[in-house]
């Protein structure tokens, strides 16, 4: 049964089930997002430490990777991938 049919008065039980399932899925998604945000913060901490130690700027003021740094990293990644195959 689709959400629309259930919510249009099909049955109260179906509507409750669908809303409960949607809530469960939303909570699971939120948990995943929280985990990914923590990983991102950890990566930023490491990158900032590397910047300080090497004196090399990697991130812009908003925390994004500088375009030239990203391009160089992708170019190297492509070469490494081809060499290992």
N, C-alpha and C. Protein backbone atom coordinates (compact mmCIF):
# COMPACT_ATOMS: atom_id res chain seq x y z
N UNK A 1 0.84 -1.17 0.00
CA UNK A 1 0.00 0.00 0.00
C UNK A 1 0.89 1.24 0.00
N UNK A 2 0.55 2.19 -0.82
CA UNK A 2 1.36 3.41 -0.89
C UNK A 2 1.03 4.34 0.26
N UNK A 3 1.97 5.21 0.55
CA UNK A 3 1.77 6.18 1.64
C UNK A 3 0.55 7.06 1.36
N UNK A 4 0.39 7.47 0.12
CA UNK A 4 -0.71 8.36 -0.23
C UNK A 4 -2.06 7.70 0.05
N UNK A 5 -2.24 6.45 -0.38
CA UNK A 5 -3.51 5.75 -0.15
C UNK A 5 -3.77 5.58 1.33
N UNK A 6 -2.74 5.21 2.07
CA UNK A 6 -2.92 5.00 3.51
C UNK A 6 -3.27 6.30 4.21
N UNK A 7 -2.61 7.34 3.83
CA UNK A 7 -2.85 8.62 4.49
C UNK A 7 -4.15 9.28 4.05
N UNK A 8 -4.75 8.79 2.98
CA UNK A 8 -6.02 9.33 2.52
C UNK A 8 -7.20 8.62 3.18
N UNK A 9 -6.91 7.86 4.22
CA UNK A 9 -8.00 7.25 4.96
C UNK A 9 -8.20 5.78 4.71
N UNK A 10 -7.24 5.09 4.12
CA UNK A 10 -7.37 3.66 3.86
C UNK A 10 -7.69 2.95 5.18
N UNK A 11 -6.77 2.98 6.13
CA UNK A 11 -7.06 2.51 7.48
C UNK A 11 -6.14 3.24 8.44
N UNK A 12 -6.58 3.38 9.65
CA UNK A 12 -5.75 4.05 10.66
C UNK A 12 -4.52 3.22 10.96
N UNK A 13 -4.66 1.91 10.99
CA UNK A 13 -3.54 1.02 11.28
C UNK A 13 -2.44 1.16 10.23
N UNK A 14 -2.84 1.19 8.96
CA UNK A 14 -1.87 1.36 7.88
C UNK A 14 -1.16 2.71 7.98
N UNK A 15 -1.92 3.74 8.28
CA UNK A 15 -1.34 5.07 8.39
C UNK A 15 -0.34 5.12 9.54
N UNK A 16 -0.71 4.54 10.66
CA UNK A 16 0.21 4.53 11.81
C UNK A 16 1.47 3.76 11.47
N UNK A 17 1.32 2.61 10.82
CA UNK A 17 2.48 1.81 10.45
C UNK A 17 3.42 2.60 9.53
N UNK A 18 2.84 3.22 8.53
CA UNK A 18 3.66 3.98 7.58
C UNK A 18 4.38 5.13 8.28
N UNK A 19 3.69 5.85 9.12
CA UNK A 19 4.32 6.97 9.82
C UNK A 19 5.40 6.49 10.78
N UNK A 20 5.17 5.36 11.45
CA UNK A 20 6.20 4.80 12.33
C UNK A 20 7.43 4.38 11.54
N UNK A 21 7.21 3.76 10.40
CA UNK A 21 8.33 3.32 9.56
C UNK A 21 9.11 4.51 9.04
N UNK A 22 8.41 5.55 8.62
CA UNK A 22 9.09 6.76 8.15
C UNK A 22 9.91 7.39 9.27
N UNK A 23 9.38 7.37 10.47
CA UNK A 23 10.11 7.91 11.63
C UNK A 23 11.37 7.09 11.88
N UNK A 24 11.26 5.76 11.83
CA UNK A 24 12.42 4.89 12.02
C UNK A 24 13.49 5.18 10.97
N UNK A 25 13.07 5.31 9.73
CA UNK A 25 14.02 5.58 8.65
C UNK A 25 14.68 6.94 8.81
N UNK A 26 13.90 7.93 9.24
CA UNK A 26 14.45 9.26 9.47
C UNK A 26 15.48 9.24 10.59
N UNK A 27 15.21 8.46 11.63
CA UNK A 27 16.16 8.34 12.74
C UNK A 27 17.43 7.64 12.30
N UNK A 28 17.30 6.60 11.48
CA UNK A 28 18.48 5.90 10.95
C UNK A 28 19.32 6.84 10.09
N UNK A 29 18.65 7.61 9.25
CA UNK A 29 19.36 8.57 8.41
C UNK A 29 20.07 9.62 9.26
N UNK A 30 19.39 10.09 10.28
CA UNK A 30 20.00 11.08 11.18
C UNK A 30 21.24 10.50 11.85
N UNK A 31 21.17 9.25 12.31
CA UNK A 31 22.33 8.61 12.93
C UNK A 31 23.50 8.53 11.96
N UNK A 32 23.21 8.17 10.72
CA UNK A 32 24.27 8.10 9.71
C UNK A 32 24.89 9.48 9.47
N UNK A 33 24.05 10.50 9.40
CA UNK A 33 24.56 11.85 9.18
C UNK A 33 25.43 12.31 10.34
N UNK A 34 25.04 12.00 11.56
CA UNK A 34 25.84 12.37 12.73
C UNK A 34 27.20 11.69 12.67
N UNK A 35 27.24 10.41 12.32
CA UNK A 35 28.51 9.68 12.20
C UNK A 35 29.39 10.31 11.13
N UNK A 36 28.80 10.66 9.98
CA UNK A 36 29.57 11.25 8.89
C UNK A 36 30.09 12.64 9.26
N UNK A 37 29.28 13.40 9.99
CA UNK A 37 29.73 14.72 10.45
C UNK A 37 30.93 14.59 11.37
N UNK A 38 30.91 13.59 12.25
CA UNK A 38 32.04 13.37 13.16
C UNK A 38 33.29 13.01 12.36
N UNK A 39 33.14 12.13 11.37
CA UNK A 39 34.28 11.77 10.52
C UNK A 39 34.85 13.00 9.83
N UNK A 40 33.97 13.83 9.31
CA UNK A 40 34.40 15.03 8.61
C UNK A 40 35.17 15.95 9.55
N UNK A 41 34.68 16.12 10.77
CA UNK A 41 35.38 16.96 11.75
C UNK A 41 36.75 16.38 12.07
N UNK A 42 36.82 15.07 12.19
CA UNK A 42 38.10 14.41 12.45
C UNK A 42 39.08 14.64 11.29
N UNK A 43 38.59 14.49 10.06
CA UNK A 43 39.45 14.73 8.89
C UNK A 43 39.93 16.17 8.85
N UNK A 44 39.05 17.11 9.14
CA UNK A 44 39.44 18.51 9.14
C UNK A 44 40.51 18.79 10.20
N UNK A 45 40.37 18.17 11.35
CA UNK A 45 41.37 18.32 12.40
C UNK A 45 42.73 17.83 11.92
N UNK A 46 42.75 16.67 11.29
CA UNK A 46 44.00 16.11 10.78
C UNK A 46 44.59 17.00 9.69
N UNK A 47 43.77 17.46 8.77
CA UNK A 47 44.25 18.30 7.68
C UNK A 47 44.82 19.61 8.22
N UNK A 48 44.15 20.21 9.18
CA UNK A 48 44.65 21.45 9.77
C UNK A 48 46.00 21.22 10.46
N UNK A 49 46.15 20.08 11.12
CA UNK A 49 47.42 19.76 11.76
C UNK A 49 48.52 19.60 10.71
N UNK A 50 48.22 18.93 9.63
CA UNK A 50 49.19 18.75 8.54
C UNK A 50 49.56 20.11 7.95
N UNK A 51 48.57 20.98 7.79
CA UNK A 51 48.85 22.33 7.29
C UNK A 51 49.84 23.05 8.19
N UNK A 52 49.60 22.97 9.50
CA UNK A 52 50.50 23.65 10.45
C UNK A 52 51.90 23.06 10.40
N UNK A 53 52.00 21.74 10.33
CA UNK A 53 53.30 21.08 10.34
C UNK A 53 54.09 21.31 9.06
N UNK A 54 53.39 21.36 7.94
CA UNK A 54 54.08 21.48 6.65
C UNK A 54 54.13 22.90 6.13
N UNK A 55 53.30 23.78 6.68
CA UNK A 55 53.24 25.14 6.17
C UNK A 55 52.56 25.22 4.80
N UNK A 56 51.84 24.18 4.44
CA UNK A 56 51.14 24.12 3.16
C UNK A 56 49.66 24.33 3.37
N UNK A 57 49.08 25.25 2.61
CA UNK A 57 47.65 25.53 2.71
C UNK A 57 46.89 24.53 1.84
N UNK A 58 45.94 23.82 2.46
CA UNK A 58 45.14 22.82 1.76
C UNK A 58 43.68 23.24 1.71
N UNK A 59 43.20 23.86 2.80
CA UNK A 59 41.79 24.23 2.90
C UNK A 59 41.59 25.73 2.70
N UNK A 60 40.44 26.09 2.12
CA UNK A 60 40.09 27.50 2.01
C UNK A 60 39.46 27.96 3.33
N UNK A 61 39.05 29.20 3.39
CA UNK A 61 38.51 29.75 4.63
C UNK A 61 37.21 29.08 5.09
N UNK A 62 36.49 28.46 4.16
CA UNK A 62 35.23 27.78 4.49
C UNK A 62 35.43 26.30 4.82
N UNK A 63 36.66 25.83 4.81
CA UNK A 63 36.94 24.43 5.13
C UNK A 63 36.92 23.52 3.92
N UNK A 64 36.73 24.08 2.74
CA UNK A 64 36.76 23.28 1.52
C UNK A 64 38.18 23.14 1.02
N UNK A 65 38.43 22.11 0.23
CA UNK A 65 39.76 21.89 -0.32
C UNK A 65 39.99 22.91 -1.43
N UNK A 66 41.17 23.53 -1.42
CA UNK A 66 41.51 24.49 -2.47
C UNK A 66 41.49 23.80 -3.83
N UNK A 67 40.95 24.46 -4.86
CA UNK A 67 40.80 23.83 -6.18
C UNK A 67 42.10 23.27 -6.74
N UNK A 68 43.20 24.01 -6.63
CA UNK A 68 44.46 23.52 -7.20
C UNK A 68 44.97 22.29 -6.44
N UNK A 69 44.77 22.27 -5.13
CA UNK A 69 45.17 21.11 -4.32
C UNK A 69 44.34 19.89 -4.72
N UNK A 70 43.06 20.08 -4.89
CA UNK A 70 42.17 18.99 -5.28
C UNK A 70 42.53 18.44 -6.65
N UNK A 71 42.82 19.35 -7.58
CA UNK A 71 43.19 18.93 -8.94
C UNK A 71 44.47 18.10 -8.90
N UNK A 72 45.47 18.57 -8.17
CA UNK A 72 46.72 17.82 -8.07
C UNK A 72 46.49 16.45 -7.43
N UNK A 73 45.68 16.40 -6.40
CA UNK A 73 45.41 15.13 -5.72
C UNK A 73 44.69 14.15 -6.66
N UNK A 74 43.74 14.66 -7.44
CA UNK A 74 43.03 13.80 -8.38
C UNK A 74 43.96 13.31 -9.48
N UNK A 75 44.83 14.20 -9.97
CA UNK A 75 45.78 13.82 -11.01
C UNK A 75 46.70 12.71 -10.51
N UNK A 76 47.19 12.83 -9.30
CA UNK A 76 48.07 11.83 -8.72
C UNK A 76 47.30 10.53 -8.49
N UNK A 77 46.06 10.64 -8.04
CA UNK A 77 45.24 9.46 -7.79
C UNK A 77 45.02 8.68 -9.09
N UNK A 78 44.80 9.39 -10.18
CA UNK A 78 44.60 8.73 -11.47
C UNK A 78 45.86 7.99 -11.89
N UNK A 79 47.01 8.60 -11.70
CA UNK A 79 48.27 7.95 -12.05
C UNK A 79 48.51 6.73 -11.18
N UNK A 80 48.27 6.86 -9.87
CA UNK A 80 48.46 5.74 -8.97
C UNK A 80 47.54 4.58 -9.31
N UNK A 81 46.31 4.89 -9.68
CA UNK A 81 45.34 3.85 -10.02
C UNK A 81 45.80 3.09 -11.26
N UNK A 82 46.24 3.80 -12.26
CA UNK A 82 46.70 3.15 -13.50
C UNK A 82 47.95 2.30 -13.24
N UNK A 83 48.84 2.78 -12.38
CA UNK A 83 50.08 2.04 -12.11
C UNK A 83 49.82 0.75 -11.35
N UNK A 84 48.78 0.71 -10.57
CA UNK A 84 48.53 -0.48 -9.75
C UNK A 84 47.70 -1.53 -10.46
N UNK A 85 47.15 -1.21 -11.58
CA UNK A 85 46.31 -2.19 -12.29
C UNK A 85 47.12 -3.12 -13.14
